[in-house]
Amino acid sequence: MEINKEKNFISAVVYTYNNEEVVIPFFKLLLRTLDNHFEKYEIICVNDDSHDSSVKWIEEFCDNIQHSIITVLNMSYYQGVEKAMHAGVDLSIGDFVYEFDSMILDYDEDEIMNIYYKSLEGYDIVGASPNSSAKISSSLFYRFYNHYTNSDNKLVSERFRILSRRGINRVQSMAKTTPYRKSIYANCGLKYITIKYQSVSKNSNKLSHNQEKLRWNTAIDTMILFTDIGYKISFFLTGIMMLTTLFTGVYAIYVFSHSTPIAGWTTTMLVLSFSFFGIFAVLTIVIKYLSIIVNLIFNKQKYVVESIHKITR
């Protein structure tokens, strides 16, 4: 009995960076899912300057597949998952677009379809999150972010998500560049939901040095851009400086009234140290804000693409 397939055109954007060990099982699952449930679809594989045989395995795998449309988008150099996925989404033409930020396989075909069916209920952005424990660093980031953000949509660690074309258009109209997509998605004003699923395995993704470094930079930029933590830190430091100044004034009056002889050098240095510490800390936050604003406003190139190789069978 033939299953009635969905009429919507689906795009699947897959981030690829040194994933040769999991490329074949991932694409087998993805192709099987899309082919079983959708009449028309495309897969966009974003190669973020991989140094292994990931792309080679993908091309060889596609040689044995009939009637599949797979596009390999090669980034000019390593630019990180955010810019790479942004490039892939820009290239997509689907009514709905899947985003796979990694090839970690701890879910099955049903979970891929569950978020699609949820999006048909009126949600423009639907994420899939494993119910297993996230890394300590990720948990701390999301805890701080959700505490200091003004958004009602709280972020969690996600494996993949689906976006409607309306959601993509809204996000692109809101920001020239997107330093952290999930924050923009959560603040775009459209319906956003995350679905939890039971992990079928304990696969993990070991990050390279470049990935770890870029991940930390992205986390810092995100906290400054999308939360008020910078303002609260500067307010706290300003309060410390005010209290220090008040304490010093009271202490000076006390010494003067009791005629206690002191050299004064230690007190002066303490006051100067605290004051300059606070001033430079505030200046650091202000400079960080300015640098991010400059990049967002004046950076003409969101990403740099080397070539596009479409594989059609």
C-alpha atoms as a PDB file:
ATOM      1  CA  MET A   1       0.000   0.000   0.000  1.00  0.00           C
ATOM      2  CA  GLU A   2       1.485   3.332  -1.061  1.00  0.00           C
ATOM      3  CA  ILE A   3       1.607   6.049   1.568  1.00  0.00           C
ATOM      4  CA  ASN A   4       0.268   9.468   0.591  1.00  0.00           C
ATOM      5  CA  LYS A   5       3.310  11.695   0.643  1.00  0.00           C
ATOM      6  CA  GLU A   6       3.414  15.303   1.773  1.00  0.00           C
ATOM      7  CA  LYS A   7       3.085  17.916  -0.986  1.00  0.00           C
ATOM      8  CA  ASN A   8       5.276  20.571   0.644  1.00  0.00           C
ATOM      9  CA  PHE A   9       8.747  20.976  -0.817  1.00  0.00           C
ATOM     10  CA  ILE A  10      11.322  20.213   1.862  1.00  0.00           C
ATOM     11  CA  SER A  11      14.908  21.424   2.146  1.00  0.00           C
ATOM     12  CA  ALA A  12      17.346  19.794   4.552  1.00  0.00           C
ATOM     13  CA  VAL A  13      20.492  21.776   5.360  1.00  0.00           C
ATOM     14  CA  VAL A  14      23.218  19.606   6.890  1.00  0.00           C
ATOM     15  CA  TYR A  15      26.382  20.978   8.482  1.00  0.00           C
ATOM     16  CA  THR A  16      29.470  18.956   7.610  1.00  0.00           C
ATOM     17  CA  TYR A  17      32.862  19.306   9.251  1.00  0.00           C
ATOM     18  CA  ASN A  18      35.129  16.260   9.515  1.00  0.00           C
ATOM     19  CA  ASN A  19      32.229  13.813   9.897  1.00  0.00           C
ATOM     20  CA  GLU A  20      33.439  10.947   7.703  1.00  0.00           C
ATOM     21  CA  GLU A  21      32.695   8.345  10.398  1.00  0.00           C
ATOM     22  CA  VAL A  22      28.977   9.153  10.580  1.00  0.00           C
ATOM     23  CA  VAL A  23      28.233  10.507   7.090  1.00  0.00           C
ATOM     24  CA  ILE A  24      26.861   7.260   5.635  1.00  0.00           C
ATOM     25  CA  PRO A  25      24.474   6.272   8.488  1.00  0.00           C
ATOM     26  CA  PHE A  26      23.252   9.854   8.792  1.00  0.00           C
ATOM     27  CA  PHE A  27      22.466  10.246   5.108  1.00  0.00           C
ATOM     28  CA  LYS A  28      20.848   6.821   4.960  1.00  0.00           C
ATOM     29  CA  LEU A  29      18.419   7.851   7.696  1.00  0.00           C
ATOM     30  CA  LEU A  30      17.796  11.306   6.238  1.00  0.00           C
ATOM     31  CA  LEU A  31      17.248  10.125   2.667  1.00  0.00           C
ATOM     32  CA  ARG A  32      14.990   7.286   3.787  1.00  0.00           C
ATOM     33  CA  THR A  33      12.890   9.668   5.854  1.00  0.00           C
ATOM     34  CA  LEU A  34      12.519  12.295   3.151  1.00  0.00           C
ATOM     35  CA  ASP A  35      11.889   9.764   0.394  1.00  0.00           C
ATOM     36  CA  ASN A  36       9.237   7.931   2.411  1.00  0.00           C
ATOM     37  CA  HIS A  37       7.243  11.003   3.386  1.00  0.00           C
ATOM     38  CA  PHE A  38       7.759  13.781   0.821  1.00  0.00           C
ATOM     39  CA  GLU A  39       7.189  13.981  -2.915  1.00  0.00           C
ATOM     40  CA  LYS A  40       9.834  16.648  -3.501  1.00  0.00           C
ATOM     41  CA  TYR A  41      12.870  17.498  -1.426  1.00  0.00           C
ATOM     42  CA  GLU A  42      16.467  18.648  -1.594  1.00  0.00           C
ATOM     43  CA  ILE A  43      19.478  18.161   0.648  1.00  0.00           C
ATOM     44  CA  ILE A  44      22.078  20.899   1.000  1.00  0.00           C
ATOM     45  CA  CYS A  45      25.330  19.697   2.504  1.00  0.00           C
ATOM     46  CA  VAL A  46      27.400  22.624   3.776  1.00  0.00           C
ATOM     47  CA  ASN A  47      31.066  21.625   3.804  1.00  0.00           C
ATOM     48  CA  ASP A  48      32.824  23.926   6.271  1.00  0.00           C
ATOM     49  CA  ASP A  49      36.311  23.259   4.855  1.00  0.00           C
ATOM     50  CA  SER A  50      36.465  19.645   6.061  1.00  0.00           C
ATOM     51  CA  HIS A  51      39.929  18.079   6.039  1.00  0.00           C
ATOM     52  CA  ASP A  52      38.775  14.466   5.942  1.00  0.00           C
ATOM     53  CA  SER A  53      36.828  12.444   3.371  1.00  0.00           C
ATOM     54  CA  SER A  54      33.341  13.567   4.385  1.00  0.00           C
ATOM     55  CA  VAL A  55      32.433  15.081   1.018  1.00  0.00           C
ATOM     56  CA  LYS A  56      34.000  12.174  -0.858  1.00  0.00           C
ATOM     57  CA  TRP A  57      31.838   9.700   1.068  1.00  0.00           C
ATOM     58  CA  ILE A  58      28.744  11.787   0.356  1.00  0.00           C
ATOM     59  CA  GLU A  59      29.461  11.860  -3.378  1.00  0.00           C
ATOM     60  CA  GLU A  60      30.127   8.116  -3.498  1.00  0.00           C
ATOM     61  CA  PHE A  61      26.962   7.441  -1.537  1.00  0.00           C
ATOM     62  CA  CYS A  62      24.931   9.564  -3.964  1.00  0.00           C
ATOM     63  CA  ASP A  63      26.245   7.587  -6.941  1.00  0.00           C
ATOM     64  CA  ASN A  64      24.085   4.678  -5.788  1.00  0.00           C
ATOM     65  CA  ILE A  65      20.969   6.765  -5.207  1.00  0.00           C
ATOM     66  CA  GLN A  66      18.376   7.418  -7.904  1.00  0.00           C
ATOM     67  CA  HIS A  67      16.297  10.593  -8.215  1.00  0.00           C
ATOM     68  CA  SER A  68      17.959  12.432  -5.350  1.00  0.00           C
ATOM     69  CA  ILE A  69      18.947  16.087  -5.355  1.00  0.00           C
ATOM     70  CA  ILE A  70      21.940  16.808  -3.151  1.00  0.00           C
ATOM     71  CA  THR A  71      23.863  20.063  -3.276  1.00  0.00           C
ATOM     72  CA  VAL A  72      27.333  20.346  -1.751  1.00  0.00           C
ATOM     73  CA  LEU A  73      28.117  23.916  -0.735  1.00  0.00           C
ATOM     74  CA  ASN A  74      31.840  24.350  -0.063  1.00  0.00           C
ATOM     75  CA  MET A  75      32.819  27.201   2.239  1.00  0.00           C
ATOM     76  CA  SER A  76      36.055  28.986   1.292  1.00  0.00           C
ATOM     77  CA  TYR A  77      37.538  28.379   4.734  1.00  0.00           C
ATOM     78  CA  TYR A  78      36.352  27.283   8.161  1.00  0.00           C
ATOM     79  CA  GLN A  79      33.710  29.783   9.303  1.00  0.00           C
ATOM     80  CA  GLY A  80      31.779  27.907  11.968  1.00  0.00           C
ATOM     81  CA  VAL A  81      28.349  26.361  12.162  1.00  0.00           C
ATOM     82  CA  GLU A  82      26.411  29.646  12.363  1.00  0.00           C
ATOM     83  CA  LYS A  83      27.706  31.195   9.143  1.00  0.00           C
ATOM     84  CA  ALA A  84      27.792  27.858   7.334  1.00  0.00           C
ATOM     85  CA  MET A  85      24.174  27.073   8.184  1.00  0.00           C
ATOM     86  CA  HIS A  86      23.178  30.606   7.257  1.00  0.00           C
ATOM     87  CA  ALA A  87      24.699  30.036   3.820  1.00  0.00           C
ATOM     88  CA  GLY A  88      22.825  26.762   3.431  1.00  0.00           C
ATOM     89  CA  VAL A  89      19.482  28.253   4.439  1.00  0.00           C
ATOM     90  CA  ASP A  90      19.993  31.128   1.981  1.00  0.00           C
ATOM     91  CA  LEU A  91      20.507  28.579  -0.790  1.00  0.00           C
ATOM     92  CA  SER A  92      17.437  26.519   0.138  1.00  0.00           C
ATOM     93  CA  ILE A  93      14.145  26.898  -1.725  1.00  0.00           C
ATOM     94  CA  GLY A  94      11.875  24.655   0.340  1.00  0.00           C
ATOM     95  CA  ASP A  95       8.539  25.564   1.889  1.00  0.00           C
ATOM     96  CA  PHE A  96      10.005  24.113   5.085  1.00  0.00           C
ATOM     97  CA  VAL A  97      13.703  23.866   5.898  1.00  0.00           C
ATOM     98  CA  TYR A  98      15.318  21.366   8.245  1.00  0.00           C
ATOM     99  CA  GLU A  99      18.505  22.485   9.998  1.00  0.00           C
ATOM    100  CA  PHE A 100      20.906  19.775  11.141  1.00  0.00           C
ATOM    101  CA  ASP A 101      23.722  21.494  13.040  1.00  0.00           C
ATOM    102  CA  SER A 102      25.544  18.187  13.495  1.00  0.00           C
ATOM    103  CA  MET A 103      25.347  14.562  12.390  1.00  0.00           C
ATOM    104  CA  ILE A 104      24.837  13.158  15.870  1.00  0.00           C
ATOM    105  CA  LEU A 105      22.356  10.299  15.500  1.00  0.00           C
ATOM    106  CA  ASP A 106      20.464   9.770  18.739  1.00  0.00           C
ATOM    107  CA  TYR A 107      17.011   9.899  17.139  1.00  0.00           C
ATOM    108  CA  ASP A 108      15.033   7.940  14.552  1.00  0.00           C
ATOM    109  CA  GLU A 109      12.840   8.664  11.550  1.00  0.00           C
ATOM    110  CA  ASP A 110       9.775   9.376  13.667  1.00  0.00           C
ATOM    111  CA  GLU A 111      11.439  12.266  15.482  1.00  0.00           C
ATOM    112  CA  ILE A 112      12.342  13.946  12.186  1.00  0.00           C
ATOM    113  CA  MET A 113       8.719  13.784  11.121  1.00  0.00           C
ATOM    114  CA  ASN A 114       7.301  14.786  14.510  1.00  0.00           C
ATOM    115  CA  ILE A 115       8.666  18.321  14.283  1.00  0.00           C
ATOM    116  CA  TYR A 116       7.323  18.631  10.730  1.00  0.00           C
ATOM    117  CA  TYR A 117       3.840  17.629  11.841  1.00  0.00           C
ATOM    118  CA  LYS A 118       4.120  20.059  14.753  1.00  0.00           C
ATOM    119  CA  SER A 119       5.000  22.874  12.360  1.00  0.00           C
ATOM    120  CA  LEU A 120       1.788  22.166  10.441  1.00  0.00           C
ATOM    121  CA  GLU A 121      -0.105  23.106  13.616  1.00  0.00           C
ATOM    122  CA  GLY A 122       0.997  26.717  13.159  1.00  0.00           C
ATOM    123  CA  TYR A 123       4.499  26.771  14.632  1.00  0.00           C
ATOM    124  CA  ASP A 124       7.021  28.518  12.371  1.00  0.00           C
ATOM    125  CA  ILE A 125      10.033  27.197  14.276  1.00  0.00           C
ATOM    126  CA  VAL A 126      10.120  23.772  15.914  1.00  0.00           C
ATOM    127  CA  GLY A 127      13.230  22.350  17.568  1.00  0.00           C
ATOM    128  CA  ALA A 128      14.034  18.799  18.659  1.00  0.00           C
ATOM    129  CA  SER A 129      15.903  18.409  21.928  1.00  0.00           C
ATOM    130  CA  PRO A 130      17.146  15.165  23.513  1.00  0.00           C
ATOM    131  CA  ASN A 131      16.030  14.506  27.072  1.00  0.00           C
ATOM    132  CA  SER A 132      19.544  13.392  27.984  1.00  0.00           C
ATOM    133  CA  SER A 133      21.805  15.624  30.045  1.00  0.00           C
ATOM    134  CA  ALA A 134      23.674  18.310  28.123  1.00  0.00           C
ATOM    135  CA  LYS A 135      27.307  19.241  28.656  1.00  0.00           C
ATOM    136  CA  ILE A 136      28.079  21.295  31.755  1.00  0.00           C
ATOM    137  CA  SER A 137      29.235  24.255  29.663  1.00  0.00           C
ATOM    138  CA  SER A 138      26.042  24.160  27.581  1.00  0.00           C
ATOM    139  CA  SER A 139      23.842  23.871  30.663  1.00  0.00           C
ATOM    140  CA  LEU A 140      25.516  26.879  32.284  1.00  0.00           C
ATOM    141  CA  PHE A 141      25.215  28.942  29.115  1.00  0.00           C
ATOM    142  CA  TYR A 142      21.511  28.254  28.693  1.00  0.00           C
ATOM    143  CA  ARG A 143      20.865  28.834  32.395  1.00  0.00           C
ATOM    144  CA  PHE A 144      22.526  32.257  32.329  1.00  0.00           C
ATOM    145  CA  TYR A 145      20.984  33.147  28.977  1.00  0.00           C
ATOM    146  CA  ASN A 146      17.439  32.223  29.993  1.00  0.00           C
ATOM    147  CA  HIS A 147      17.833  34.056  33.302  1.00  0.00           C
ATOM    148  CA  TYR A 148      18.980  37.344  31.790  1.00  0.00           C
ATOM    149  CA  THR A 149      16.999  37.403  28.552  1.00  0.00           C
ATOM    150  CA  ASN A 150      13.651  39.129  28.165  1.00  0.00           C
ATOM    151  CA  SER A 151      12.277  36.528  25.757  1.00  0.00           C
ATOM    152  CA  ASP A 152       9.463  34.210  26.791  1.00  0.00           C
ATOM    153  CA  ASN A 153      10.986  31.433  24.658  1.00  0.00           C
ATOM    154  CA  LYS A 154      13.648  29.708  26.728  1.00  0.00           C
ATOM    155  CA  LEU A 155      16.516  28.071  24.873  1.00  0.00           C
ATOM    156  CA  VAL A 156      17.714  24.497  25.353  1.00  0.00           C
ATOM    157  CA  SER A 157      20.239  22.322  23.576  1.00  0.00           C
ATOM    158  CA  GLU A 158      18.776  21.151  20.242  1.00  0.00           C
ATOM    159  CA  ARG A 159      19.853  18.480  17.748  1.00  0.00           C
ATOM    160  CA  PHE A 160      17.891  19.790  14.782  1.00  0.00           C
ATOM    161  CA  ARG A 161      14.925  21.992  13.921  1.00  0.00           C
ATOM    162  CA  ILE A 162      12.525  22.910  11.136  1.00  0.00           C
ATOM    163  CA  LEU A 163      11.682  26.404   9.890  1.00  0.00           C
ATOM    164  CA  SER A 164       8.788  27.583   7.793  1.00  0.00           C
ATOM    165  CA  ARG A 165       9.510  29.875   4.861  1.00  0.00           C
ATOM    166  CA  ARG A 166       7.686  32.635   6.724  1.00  0.00           C
ATOM    167  CA  GLY A 167       9.999  32.127   9.690  1.00  0.00           C
ATOM    168  CA  ILE A 168      13.078  32.356   7.470  1.00  0.00           C
ATOM    169  CA  ASN A 169      11.824  35.542   5.816  1.00  0.00           C
ATOM    170  CA  ARG A 170      11.062  37.093   9.199  1.00  0.00           C
ATOM    171  CA  VAL A 171      14.534  36.328  10.568  1.00  0.00           C
ATOM    172  CA  GLN A 172      16.251  37.670   7.447  1.00  0.00           C
ATOM    173  CA  SER A 173      14.263  40.894   7.666  1.00  0.00           C
ATOM    174  CA  MET A 174      15.199  41.402  11.321  1.00  0.00           C
ATOM    175  CA  ALA A 175      18.988  41.172  11.159  1.00  0.00           C
ATOM    176  CA  LYS A 176      21.667  41.794   8.542  1.00  0.00           C
ATOM    177  CA  THR A 177      23.773  39.047  10.058  1.00  0.00           C
ATOM    178  CA  THR A 178      22.866  36.369  12.570  1.00  0.00           C
ATOM    179  CA  PRO A 179      25.571  35.715  15.176  1.00  0.00           C
ATOM    180  CA  TYR A 180      23.442  33.073  16.911  1.00  0.00           C
ATOM    181  CA  ARG A 181      20.412  31.764  15.035  1.00  0.00           C
ATOM    182  CA  LYS A 182      18.548  30.303  17.988  1.00  0.00           C
ATOM    183  CA  SER A 183      18.417  33.670  19.744  1.00  0.00           C
ATOM    184  CA  ILE A 184      16.996  35.327  16.637  1.00  0.00           C
ATOM    185  CA  TYR A 185      14.476  32.512  16.246  1.00  0.00           C
ATOM    186  CA  ALA A 186      13.362  32.892  19.854  1.00  0.00           C
ATOM    187  CA  ASN A 187      12.970  36.663  19.482  1.00  0.00           C
ATOM    188  CA  CYS A 188      11.472  36.905  15.988  1.00  0.00           C
ATOM    189  CA  GLY A 189       7.904  37.095  17.288  1.00  0.00           C
ATOM    190  CA  LEU A 190       6.631  33.937  15.580  1.00  0.00           C
ATOM    191  CA  LYS A 191       5.446  30.754  17.281  1.00  0.00           C
ATOM    192  CA  TYR A 192       8.420  28.764  18.554  1.00  0.00           C
ATOM    193  CA  ILE A 193       8.436  25.448  20.385  1.00  0.00           C
ATOM    194  CA  THR A 194      10.931  22.751  21.336  1.00  0.00           C
ATOM    195  CA  ILE A 195       9.931  19.087  21.452  1.00  0.00           C
ATOM    196  CA  LYS A 196      11.746  16.650  23.722  1.00  0.00           C
ATOM    197  CA  TYR A 197      12.538  13.150  22.506  1.00  0.00           C
ATOM    198  CA  GLN A 198      13.978   9.993  24.025  1.00  0.00           C
ATOM    199  CA  SER A 199      17.560   9.451  22.868  1.00  0.00           C
ATOM    200  CA  VAL A 200      18.045   6.089  21.177  1.00  0.00           C
ATOM    201  CA  SER A 201      21.820   6.167  21.670  1.00  0.00           C
ATOM    202  CA  LYS A 202      24.535   8.062  23.520  1.00  0.00           C
ATOM    203  CA  ASN A 203      26.375   9.484  20.547  1.00  0.00           C
ATOM    204  CA  SER A 204      28.452  12.577  21.142  1.00  0.00           C
ATOM    205  CA  ASN A 205      30.289  15.048  18.984  1.00  0.00           C
ATOM    206  CA  LYS A 206      33.922  15.747  19.840  1.00  0.00           C
ATOM    207  CA  LEU A 207      34.734  19.342  18.982  1.00  0.00           C
ATOM    208  CA  SER A 208      38.017  20.470  17.477  1.00  0.00           C
ATOM    209  CA  HIS A 209      40.077  23.350  18.852  1.00  0.00           C
ATOM    210  CA  ASN A 210      38.658  25.732  16.230  1.00  0.00           C
ATOM    211  CA  GLN A 211      35.117  24.687  17.052  1.00  0.00           C
ATOM    212  CA  GLU A 212      35.629  25.112  20.802  1.00  0.00           C
ATOM    213  CA  LYS A 213      37.191  28.545  20.331  1.00  0.00           C
ATOM    214  CA  LEU A 214      34.432  29.749  18.021  1.00  0.00           C
ATOM    215  CA  ARG A 215      31.815  28.284  20.329  1.00  0.00           C
ATOM    216  CA  TRP A 216      33.073  30.313  23.289  1.00  0.00           C
ATOM    217  CA  ASN A 217      33.253  33.482  21.179  1.00  0.00           C
ATOM    218  CA  THR A 218      29.690  32.919  19.992  1.00  0.00           C
ATOM    219  CA  ALA A 219      28.504  32.366  23.558  1.00  0.00           C
ATOM    220  CA  ILE A 220      30.075  35.634  24.740  1.00  0.00           C
ATOM    221  CA  ASP A 221      28.669  37.605  21.805  1.00  0.00           C
ATOM    222  CA  THR A 222      25.235  36.093  22.376  1.00  0.00           C
ATOM    223  CA  MET A 223      25.175  36.943  26.072  1.00  0.00           C
ATOM    224  CA  ILE A 224      26.099  40.545  25.304  1.00  0.00           C
ATOM    225  CA  LEU A 225      23.765  40.984  22.335  1.00  0.00           C
ATOM    226  CA  PHE A 226      20.616  39.235  23.519  1.00  0.00           C
ATOM    227  CA  THR A 227      20.678  39.654  27.306  1.00  0.00           C
ATOM    228  CA  ASP A 228      21.074  42.527  29.760  1.00  0.00           C
ATOM    229  CA  ILE A 229      23.931  40.870  31.636  1.00  0.00           C
ATOM    230  CA  GLY A 230      26.390  43.536  30.429  1.00  0.00           C
ATOM    231  CA  TYR A 231      24.291  46.306  31.899  1.00  0.00           C
ATOM    232  CA  LYS A 232      23.882  44.446  35.188  1.00  0.00           C
ATOM    233  CA  ILE A 233      27.616  43.810  35.483  1.00  0.00           C
ATOM    234  CA  SER A 234      28.427  47.462  34.803  1.00  0.00           C
ATOM    235  CA  PHE A 235      25.741  48.511  37.289  1.00  0.00           C
ATOM    236  CA  PHE A 236      27.227  46.167  39.895  1.00  0.00           C
ATOM    237  CA  LEU A 237      30.752  47.496  39.345  1.00  0.00           C
ATOM    238  CA  THR A 238      29.503  51.058  39.532  1.00  0.00           C
ATOM    239  CA  GLY A 239      27.852  50.226  42.850  1.00  0.00           C
ATOM    240  CA  ILE A 240      31.118  48.820  44.196  1.00  0.00           C
ATOM    241  CA  MET A 241      32.962  51.985  43.185  1.00  0.00           C
ATOM    242  CA  MET A 242      30.322  54.133  44.849  1.00  0.00           C
ATOM    243  CA  LEU A 243      30.496  52.101  48.061  1.00  0.00           C
ATOM    244  CA  THR A 244      34.291  52.277  48.023  1.00  0.00           C
ATOM    245  CA  THR A 245      34.160  56.031  47.582  1.00  0.00           C
ATOM    246  CA  LEU A 246      31.628  56.352  50.411  1.00  0.00           C
ATOM    247  CA  PHE A 247      33.680  54.149  52.711  1.00  0.00           C
ATOM    248  CA  THR A 248      36.832  56.131  51.945  1.00  0.00           C
ATOM    249  CA  GLY A 249      35.051  59.412  52.676  1.00  0.00           C
ATOM    250  CA  VAL A 250      33.710  58.151  56.009  1.00  0.00           C
ATOM    251  CA  TYR A 251      37.124  56.784  56.902  1.00  0.00           C
ATOM    252  CA  ALA A 252      38.803  60.107  56.051  1.00  0.00           C
ATOM    253  CA  ILE A 253      36.326  62.014  58.225  1.00  0.00           C
ATOM    254  CA  TYR A 254      36.887  59.580  61.080  1.00  0.00           C
ATOM    255  CA  VAL A 255      40.673  59.946  60.849  1.00  0.00           C
ATOM    256  CA  PHE A 256      40.409  63.727  60.647  1.00  0.00           C
ATOM    257  CA  SER A 257      38.072  63.979  63.644  1.00  0.00           C
ATOM    258  CA  HIS A 258      40.222  61.730  65.828  1.00  0.00           C
ATOM    259  CA  SER A 259      43.533  63.215  64.673  1.00  0.00           C
ATOM    260  CA  THR A 260      44.960  59.776  64.005  1.00  0.00           C
ATOM    261  CA  PRO A 261      48.210  60.148  62.085  1.00  0.00           C
ATOM    262  CA  ILE A 262      48.413  57.947  58.973  1.00  0.00           C
ATOM    263  CA  ALA A 263      50.640  57.967  55.958  1.00  0.00           C
ATOM    264  CA  GLY A 264      47.678  57.699  53.579  1.00  0.00           C
ATOM    265  CA  TRP A 265      49.555  55.905  50.837  1.00  0.00           C
ATOM    266  CA  THR A 266      47.847  52.521  51.322  1.00  0.00           C
ATOM    267  CA  THR A 267      44.364  53.995  51.354  1.00  0.00           C
ATOM    268  CA  THR A 268      45.043  56.077  48.266  1.00  0.00           C
ATOM    269  CA  MET A 269      46.348  53.112  46.327  1.00  0.00           C
ATOM    270  CA  LEU A 270      43.391  50.946  47.316  1.00  0.00           C
ATOM    271  CA  VAL A 271      40.943  53.583  46.170  1.00  0.00           C
ATOM    272  CA  LEU A 272      42.778  54.098  42.903  1.00  0.00           C
ATOM    273  CA  SER A 273      43.010  50.370  42.286  1.00  0.00           C
ATOM    274  CA  PHE A 274      39.310  49.759  42.826  1.00  0.00           C
ATOM    275  CA  SER A 275      38.351  52.817  40.801  1.00  0.00           C
ATOM    276  CA  PHE A 276      40.521  51.989  37.831  1.00  0.00           C
ATOM    277  CA  PHE A 277      39.423  48.362  37.954  1.00  0.00           C
ATOM    278  CA  GLY A 278      35.802  49.397  37.726  1.00  0.00           C
ATOM    279  CA  ILE A 279      36.454  51.978  35.017  1.00  0.00           C
ATOM    280  CA  PHE A 280      38.351  49.565  32.820  1.00  0.00           C
ATOM    281  CA  ALA A 281      35.789  46.816  33.352  1.00  0.00           C
ATOM    282  CA  VAL A 282      32.995  49.133  32.213  1.00  0.00           C
ATOM    283  CA  LEU A 283      35.080  50.308  29.259  1.00  0.00           C
ATOM    284  CA  THR A 284      35.701  46.680  28.267  1.00  0.00           C
ATOM    285  CA  ILE A 285      31.977  45.991  28.148  1.00  0.00           C
ATOM    286  CA  VAL A 286      31.296  49.179  26.180  1.00  0.00           C
ATOM    287  CA  ILE A 287      34.052  48.392  23.686  1.00  0.00           C
ATOM    288  CA  LYS A 288      32.705  44.866  23.234  1.00  0.00           C
ATOM    289  CA  TYR A 289      29.261  46.256  22.512  1.00  0.00           C
ATOM    290  CA  LEU A 290      30.666  48.710  19.973  1.00  0.00           C
ATOM    291  CA  SER A 291      32.728  46.072  18.169  1.00  0.00           C
ATOM    292  CA  ILE A 292      29.717  43.775  17.786  1.00  0.00           C
ATOM    293  CA  ILE A 293      27.514  46.632  16.568  1.00  0.00           C
ATOM    294  CA  VAL A 294      30.135  47.626  13.999  1.00  0.00           C
ATOM    295  CA  ASN A 295      30.342  44.056  12.688  1.00  0.00           C
ATOM    296  CA  LEU A 296      26.566  43.737  12.465  1.00  0.00           C
ATOM    297  CA  ILE A 297      26.054  47.049  10.666  1.00  0.00           C
ATOM    298  CA  PHE A 298      29.056  47.390   8.383  1.00  0.00           C
ATOM    299  CA  ASN A 299      30.040  43.822   7.583  1.00  0.00           C
ATOM    300  CA  LYS A 300      28.830  43.402   3.996  1.00  0.00           C
ATOM    301  CA  GLN A 301      29.730  39.708   3.650  1.00  0.00           C
ATOM    302  CA  LYS A 302      27.776  37.371   5.899  1.00  0.00           C
ATOM    303  CA  TYR A 303      29.848  34.430   4.696  1.00  0.00           C
ATOM    304  CA  VAL A 304      32.261  33.487   1.913  1.00  0.00           C
ATOM    305  CA  VAL A 305      31.423  30.597  -0.423  1.00  0.00           C
ATOM    306  CA  GLU A 306      34.045  28.899  -2.548  1.00  0.00           C
ATOM    307  CA  SER A 307      31.896  26.742  -4.845  1.00  0.00           C
ATOM    308  CA  ILE A 308      28.560  24.967  -5.196  1.00  0.00           C
ATOM    309  CA  HIS A 309      28.448  21.421  -6.546  1.00  0.00           C
ATOM    310  CA  LYS A 310      24.989  20.015  -7.279  1.00  0.00           C
ATOM    311  CA  ILE A 311      24.630  16.241  -7.499  1.00  0.00           C
ATOM    312  CA  THR A 312      21.464  15.106  -9.287  1.00  0.00           C
ATOM    313  CA  ARG A 313      20.518  11.510  -9.869  1.00  0.00           C
END
